[in-house]
C-alpha atoms as a PDB file:
ATOM      1  CA  MET A   1      11.986  38.312  34.600  1.00  0.00           C
ATOM      2  CA  LYS A   2      11.809  36.739  31.101  1.00  0.00           C
ATOM      3  CA  LYS A   3       8.289  38.153  29.656  1.00  0.00           C
ATOM      4  CA  PHE A   4       6.141  35.713  28.117  1.00  0.00           C
ATOM      5  CA  GLY A   5       4.509  36.412  24.869  1.00  0.00           C
ATOM      6  CA  GLN A   6       5.894  39.807  23.561  1.00  0.00           C
ATOM      7  CA  HIS A   7       5.745  39.515  19.744  1.00  0.00           C
ATOM      8  CA  VAL A   8       2.078  39.105  18.984  1.00  0.00           C
ATOM      9  CA  HIS A   9       0.565  42.422  17.601  1.00  0.00           C
ATOM     10  CA  GLU A  10      -2.309  43.752  19.527  1.00  0.00           C
ATOM     11  CA  ASN A  11      -4.191  44.834  16.538  1.00  0.00           C
ATOM     12  CA  VAL A  12      -4.183  41.103  15.658  1.00  0.00           C
ATOM     13  CA  VAL A  13      -5.660  40.044  18.652  1.00  0.00           C
ATOM     14  CA  LYS A  14      -8.178  42.729  18.927  1.00  0.00           C
ATOM     15  CA  GLU A  15      -9.244  41.739  15.125  1.00  0.00           C
ATOM     16  CA  ALA A  16      -9.478  38.083  16.265  1.00  0.00           C
ATOM     17  CA  VAL A  17     -11.870  38.966  19.095  1.00  0.00           C
ATOM     18  CA  GLU A  18     -14.040  41.235  16.690  1.00  0.00           C
ATOM     19  CA  TYR A  19     -14.259  38.446  14.192  1.00  0.00           C
ATOM     20  CA  HIS A  20     -15.609  36.114  16.809  1.00  0.00           C
ATOM     21  CA  ILE A  21     -18.159  38.834  17.699  1.00  0.00           C
ATOM     22  CA  LYS A  22     -18.901  39.141  14.026  1.00  0.00           C
ATOM     23  CA  LYS A  23     -19.170  35.750  13.438  1.00  0.00           C
ATOM     24  CA  ASP A  24     -21.002  34.791  16.709  1.00  0.00           C
ATOM     25  CA  LEU A  25     -18.422  32.293  17.552  1.00  0.00           C
ATOM     26  CA  PRO A  26     -17.985  31.079  20.932  1.00  0.00           C
ATOM     27  CA  LEU A  27     -14.602  32.296  22.545  1.00  0.00           C
ATOM     28  CA  SER A  28     -13.759  28.571  23.328  1.00  0.00           C
ATOM     29  CA  ASN A  29     -13.207  28.144  19.592  1.00  0.00           C
ATOM     30  CA  CYS A  30     -10.090  30.470  19.739  1.00  0.00           C
ATOM     31  CA  ILE A  31      -8.606  30.951  16.116  1.00  0.00           C
ATOM     32  CA  PHE A  32      -5.036  31.000  17.831  1.00  0.00           C
ATOM     33  CA  ARG A  33      -3.235  27.698  18.459  1.00  0.00           C
ATOM     34  CA  LEU A  34      -3.785  26.193  22.118  1.00  0.00           C
ATOM     35  CA  HIS A  35      -0.891  27.224  24.328  1.00  0.00           C
ATOM     36  CA  SER A  36       0.450  30.086  21.749  1.00  0.00           C
ATOM     37  CA  GLU A  37       1.162  33.546  22.588  1.00  0.00           C
ATOM     38  CA  GLY A  38      -1.979  34.646  20.604  1.00  0.00           C
ATOM     39  CA  PHE A  39      -4.222  32.075  22.560  1.00  0.00           C
ATOM     40  CA  TYR A  40      -3.140  33.852  25.747  1.00  0.00           C
ATOM     41  CA  LYS A  41      -3.449  37.564  24.469  1.00  0.00           C
ATOM     42  CA  PHE A  42      -6.857  36.628  23.171  1.00  0.00           C
ATOM     43  CA  PHE A  43      -8.336  35.916  26.220  1.00  0.00           C
ATOM     44  CA  GLU A  44      -7.057  38.874  27.853  1.00  0.00           C
ATOM     45  CA  GLU A  45      -8.404  41.209  25.414  1.00  0.00           C
ATOM     46  CA  ALA A  46     -11.712  39.581  25.356  1.00  0.00           C
ATOM     47  CA  ARG A  47     -12.029  39.562  29.145  1.00  0.00           C
ATOM     48  CA  LYS A  48     -11.062  43.226  28.649  1.00  0.00           C
ATOM     49  CA  GLN A  49     -13.723  43.905  26.114  1.00  0.00           C
ATOM     50  CA  HIS A  50     -16.087  42.014  28.097  1.00  0.00           C
ATOM     51  CA  ASN A  51     -15.458  44.167  31.521  1.00  0.00           C
ATOM     52  CA  GLU A  52     -15.816  47.546  29.070  1.00  0.00           C
ATOM     53  CA  GLY A  53     -19.121  46.243  28.184  1.00  0.00           C
ATOM     54  CA  LEU A  54     -18.188  45.475  24.347  1.00  0.00           C
ATOM     55  CA  LEU A  55     -18.308  42.012  24.451  1.00  0.00           C
ATOM     56  CA  GLU A  56     -21.576  40.258  25.442  1.00  0.00           C
ATOM     57  CA  VAL A  57     -20.774  36.564  26.266  1.00  0.00           C
ATOM     58  CA  LYS A  58     -23.827  34.385  25.633  1.00  0.00           C
ATOM     59  CA  ASN A  59     -22.697  30.888  26.550  1.00  0.00           C
ATOM     60  CA  SER A  60     -21.980  29.593  30.205  1.00  0.00           C
ATOM     61  CA  PHE A  61     -18.621  28.099  29.224  1.00  0.00           C
ATOM     62  CA  ASP A  62     -17.182  31.263  27.559  1.00  0.00           C
ATOM     63  CA  ARG A  63     -18.387  33.063  30.809  1.00  0.00           C
ATOM     64  CA  GLU A  64     -16.537  30.668  32.807  1.00  0.00           C
ATOM     65  CA  LEU A  65     -13.347  31.060  30.590  1.00  0.00           C
ATOM     66  CA  LEU A  66     -13.542  34.732  31.237  1.00  0.00           C
ATOM     67  CA  ASN A  67     -13.786  33.903  34.895  1.00  0.00           C
ATOM     68  CA  SER A  68     -10.828  32.249  35.108  1.00  0.00           C
ATOM     69  CA  ASP A  69      -7.174  32.963  35.050  1.00  0.00           C
ATOM     70  CA  ILE A  70      -6.642  32.137  31.573  1.00  0.00           C
ATOM     71  CA  GLY A  71      -4.764  34.521  29.738  1.00  0.00           C
ATOM     72  CA  GLN A  72      -2.995  36.094  32.997  1.00  0.00           C
ATOM     73  CA  ARG A  73       0.711  35.308  33.845  1.00  0.00           C
ATOM     74  CA  ALA A  74       2.628  35.102  36.899  1.00  0.00           C
ATOM     75  CA  ASP A  75       6.571  34.603  37.701  1.00  0.00           C
ATOM     76  CA  PHE A  76       7.816  31.146  38.285  1.00  0.00           C
ATOM     77  CA  GLU A  77      11.550  30.845  39.079  1.00  0.00           C
ATOM     78  CA  GLY A  78      12.376  34.003  37.059  1.00  0.00           C
ATOM     79  CA  GLU A  79      10.232  33.126  34.071  1.00  0.00           C
ATOM     80  CA  GLU A  80       6.581  34.363  33.329  1.00  0.00           C
ATOM     81  CA  VAL A  81       4.310  31.615  33.121  1.00  0.00           C
ATOM     82  CA  PRO A  82       0.387  30.968  32.069  1.00  0.00           C
ATOM     83  CA  LEU A  83      -1.769  30.476  35.208  1.00  0.00           C
ATOM     84  CA  ASP A  84      -4.739  28.752  33.843  1.00  0.00           C
ATOM     85  CA  ILE A  85      -5.786  26.774  30.960  1.00  0.00           C
ATOM     86  CA  PRO A  86      -9.139  24.977  31.401  1.00  0.00           C
ATOM     87  CA  ILE A  87      -9.646  23.562  28.159  1.00  0.00           C
ATOM     88  CA  ALA A  88      -8.630  19.852  27.990  1.00  0.00           C
ATOM     89  CA  GLU A  89      -7.838  18.208  24.733  1.00  0.00           C
ATOM     90  CA  GLU A  90      -9.530  14.826  23.758  1.00  0.00           C
ATOM     91  CA  VAL A  91      -7.232  12.100  23.631  1.00  0.00           C
ATOM     92  CA  GLU A  92      -7.851   8.619  22.496  1.00  0.00           C
ATOM     93  CA  LEU A  93      -7.352   5.973  25.154  1.00  0.00           C
ATOM     94  CA  ASN A  94      -5.375   3.077  24.630  1.00  0.00           C
ATOM     95  CA  LYS A  95      -4.145   3.692  20.934  1.00  0.00           C
ATOM     96  CA  PRO A  96      -0.490   4.230  20.766  1.00  0.00           C
ATOM     97  CA  LYS A  97       0.741   6.922  18.440  1.00  0.00           C
ATOM     98  CA  ARG A  98       4.131   7.964  17.240  1.00  0.00           C
ATOM     99  CA  GLY A  99       6.020  10.696  18.792  1.00  0.00           C
ATOM    100  CA  GLY A 100       6.396  12.242  22.514  1.00  0.00           C
ATOM    101  CA  PRO A 101       9.568  11.984  24.317  1.00  0.00           C
ATOM    102  CA  LYS A 102      10.180   8.254  23.097  1.00  0.00           C
ATOM    103  CA  LYS A 103       9.216   6.736  20.022  1.00  0.00           C
ATOM    104  CA  PHE A 104       5.546   6.012  20.840  1.00  0.00           C
ATOM    105  CA  VAL A 105       3.142   7.532  23.217  1.00  0.00           C
ATOM    106  CA  VAL A 106      -0.403   6.100  24.370  1.00  0.00           C
ATOM    107  CA  TYR A 107      -2.648   7.718  26.631  1.00  0.00           C
ATOM    108  CA  THR A 108      -4.547   5.217  29.113  1.00  0.00           C
ATOM    109  CA  ARG A 109      -6.909   5.442  32.341  1.00  0.00           C
ATOM    110  CA  ASP A 110      -4.817   4.687  35.555  1.00  0.00           C
ATOM    111  CA  PRO A 111      -7.187   2.535  37.539  1.00  0.00           C
ATOM    112  CA  GLN A 112      -6.244   3.680  40.758  1.00  0.00           C
ATOM    113  CA  THR A 113      -6.667   7.517  40.313  1.00  0.00           C
ATOM    114  CA  LYS A 114      -9.175   7.267  37.375  1.00  0.00           C
ATOM    115  CA  ASN A 115      -7.038  10.050  35.685  1.00  0.00           C
ATOM    116  CA  VAL A 116      -5.704   9.710  32.031  1.00  0.00           C
ATOM    117  CA  ILE A 117      -2.041   9.585  32.266  1.00  0.00           C
ATOM    118  CA  LYS A 118       0.658   9.601  29.195  1.00  0.00           C
ATOM    119  CA  VAL A 119       2.994   6.663  28.787  1.00  0.00           C
ATOM    120  CA  ALA A 120       5.831   6.924  26.686  1.00  0.00           C
ATOM    121  CA  PHE A 121       7.579   4.067  25.178  1.00  0.00           C
ATOM    122  CA  GLY A 122      10.269   2.648  22.592  1.00  0.00           C
ATOM    123  CA  GLN A 123      13.760   3.805  22.150  1.00  0.00           C
ATOM    124  CA  PRO A 124      14.412   6.801  19.669  1.00  0.00           C
ATOM    125  CA  GLY A 125      16.474   5.688  16.723  1.00  0.00           C
ATOM    126  CA  MET A 126      16.537   1.982  17.326  1.00  0.00           C
ATOM    127  CA  ASP A 127      14.707  -0.236  14.722  1.00  0.00           C
ATOM    128  CA  VAL A 128      11.207  -2.185  15.510  1.00  0.00           C
ATOM    129  CA  ASN A 129      12.056  -5.844  14.133  1.00  0.00           C
ATOM    130  CA  ILE A 130       8.638  -7.182  14.369  1.00  0.00           C
ATOM    131  CA  ASP A 131       9.191  -9.121  11.041  1.00  0.00           C
ATOM    132  CA  ASP A 132      12.352 -10.706  12.450  1.00  0.00           C
ATOM    133  CA  PRO A 133      11.273 -13.897  14.591  1.00  0.00           C
ATOM    134  CA  ASP A 134      14.523 -14.294  16.331  1.00  0.00           C
ATOM    135  CA  ALA A 135      14.343 -10.570  17.248  1.00  0.00           C
ATOM    136  CA  ARG A 136      10.811 -11.140  18.698  1.00  0.00           C
ATOM    137  CA  LYS A 137      11.699 -14.011  20.588  1.00  0.00           C
ATOM    138  CA  SER A 138      14.668 -12.163  22.173  1.00  0.00           C
ATOM    139  CA  PHE A 139      12.597  -9.084  22.973  1.00  0.00           C
ATOM    140  CA  ALA A 140       9.432 -11.172  24.414  1.00  0.00           C
ATOM    141  CA  ALA A 141      12.128 -13.031  26.640  1.00  0.00           C
ATOM    142  CA  ARG A 142      13.987 -10.473  27.769  1.00  0.00           C
ATOM    143  CA  HIS A 143      11.171  -8.209  28.666  1.00  0.00           C
ATOM    144  CA  LYS A 144       9.206 -10.693  30.256  1.00  0.00           C
ATOM    145  CA  CYS A 145       6.278  -9.825  28.023  1.00  0.00           C
ATOM    146  CA  ASP A 146       3.797 -12.812  28.997  1.00  0.00           C
ATOM    147  CA  THR A 147       3.786 -11.129  32.541  1.00  0.00           C
ATOM    148  CA  ARG A 148       3.320  -7.446  31.581  1.00  0.00           C
ATOM    149  CA  ASN A 149      -0.233  -6.699  32.575  1.00  0.00           C
ATOM    150  CA  ASP A 150      -0.358  -3.132  33.946  1.00  0.00           C
ATOM    151  CA  LYS A 151      -1.177  -0.610  31.432  1.00  0.00           C
ATOM    152  CA  THR A 152       0.167   2.676  33.184  1.00  0.00           C
ATOM    153  CA  LYS A 153       3.718   0.983  32.541  1.00  0.00           C
ATOM    154  CA  PRO A 154       5.888   1.132  29.222  1.00  0.00           C
ATOM    155  CA  SER A 155       6.677  -2.384  29.091  1.00  0.00           C
ATOM    156  CA  TYR A 156       3.350  -3.223  28.707  1.00  0.00           C
ATOM    157  CA  TRP A 157       2.699  -1.308  25.565  1.00  0.00           C
ATOM    158  CA  ALA A 158       6.296  -2.011  24.289  1.00  0.00           C
ATOM    159  CA  CYS A 159       5.267  -5.615  24.472  1.00  0.00           C
ATOM    160  CA  ARG A 160       2.131  -5.261  22.945  1.00  0.00           C
ATOM    161  CA  LEU A 161       3.531  -3.185  19.761  1.00  0.00           C
ATOM    162  CA  PRO A 162       2.861  -5.758  17.249  1.00  0.00           C
ATOM    163  CA  TYR A 163      -0.747  -5.644  17.894  1.00  0.00           C
ATOM    164  CA  TYR A 164      -0.963  -2.082  16.924  1.00  0.00           C
ATOM    165  CA  ALA A 165       1.888  -2.238  13.977  1.00  0.00           C
ATOM    166  CA  LYS A 166      -0.392  -1.339  10.990  1.00  0.00           C
ATOM    167  CA  SER A 167      -1.904   1.809  12.725  1.00  0.00           C
ATOM    168  CA  LEU A 168       1.727   3.148  13.417  1.00  0.00           C
ATOM    169  CA  GLY A 169       3.014   2.458  10.131  1.00  0.00           C
ATOM    170  CA  LEU A 170       5.143  -0.694  10.758  1.00  0.00           C
ATOM    171  CA  SER A 171       5.515  -3.615   8.499  1.00  0.00           C
ATOM    172  CA  GLY A 172       4.615  -7.044  10.293  1.00  0.00           C
ATOM    173  CA  GLY A 173       2.615  -7.217  13.533  1.00  0.00           C
ATOM    174  CA  GLY A 174      -0.550  -9.063  14.015  1.00  0.00           C
ATOM    175  CA  ASN A 175      -1.804 -10.833  17.086  1.00  0.00           C
ATOM    176  CA  PHE A 176       1.229 -11.987  19.108  1.00  0.00           C
ATOM    177  CA  PHE A 177       3.701 -10.945  21.528  1.00  0.00           C
ATOM    178  CA  TRP A 178       6.931  -9.856  20.062  1.00  0.00           C
END
């Protein structure tokens, strides 16, 4: 089984928990990056100290974190994986950004499930020709942009890319389809 998080030094994690105690910082403001090895080990150490009576937890969210499976691991298909991460990152809805598995990504709410979903769109390596009127016309026709109304689909966001051109650092753009 491949082990998770072998190279984070125990003393560093203990010092991090002590830092939170000294500064009276909530555990939810963990100094380690979310999903990092240090993040998981931090909660293992905090839980250990709490169970030994060395760490007093004042706020209810920190108590909830220590009572969760955060920091614990299990075997999944031969690899050790974290069990629980009850902290959700805040995301801005309906504002496309660069990145993700495609060229752009946007978070939006699915109207049926009410869940926030991530929609990736745009072909990596391809130029975005917003300034070229012929390219815009061809794109809009090919993708039938005038019929795209479902925010959960990549085609909706690709067709509306010119609206967000300035915030994405693209030249051109405006209040029009491609």
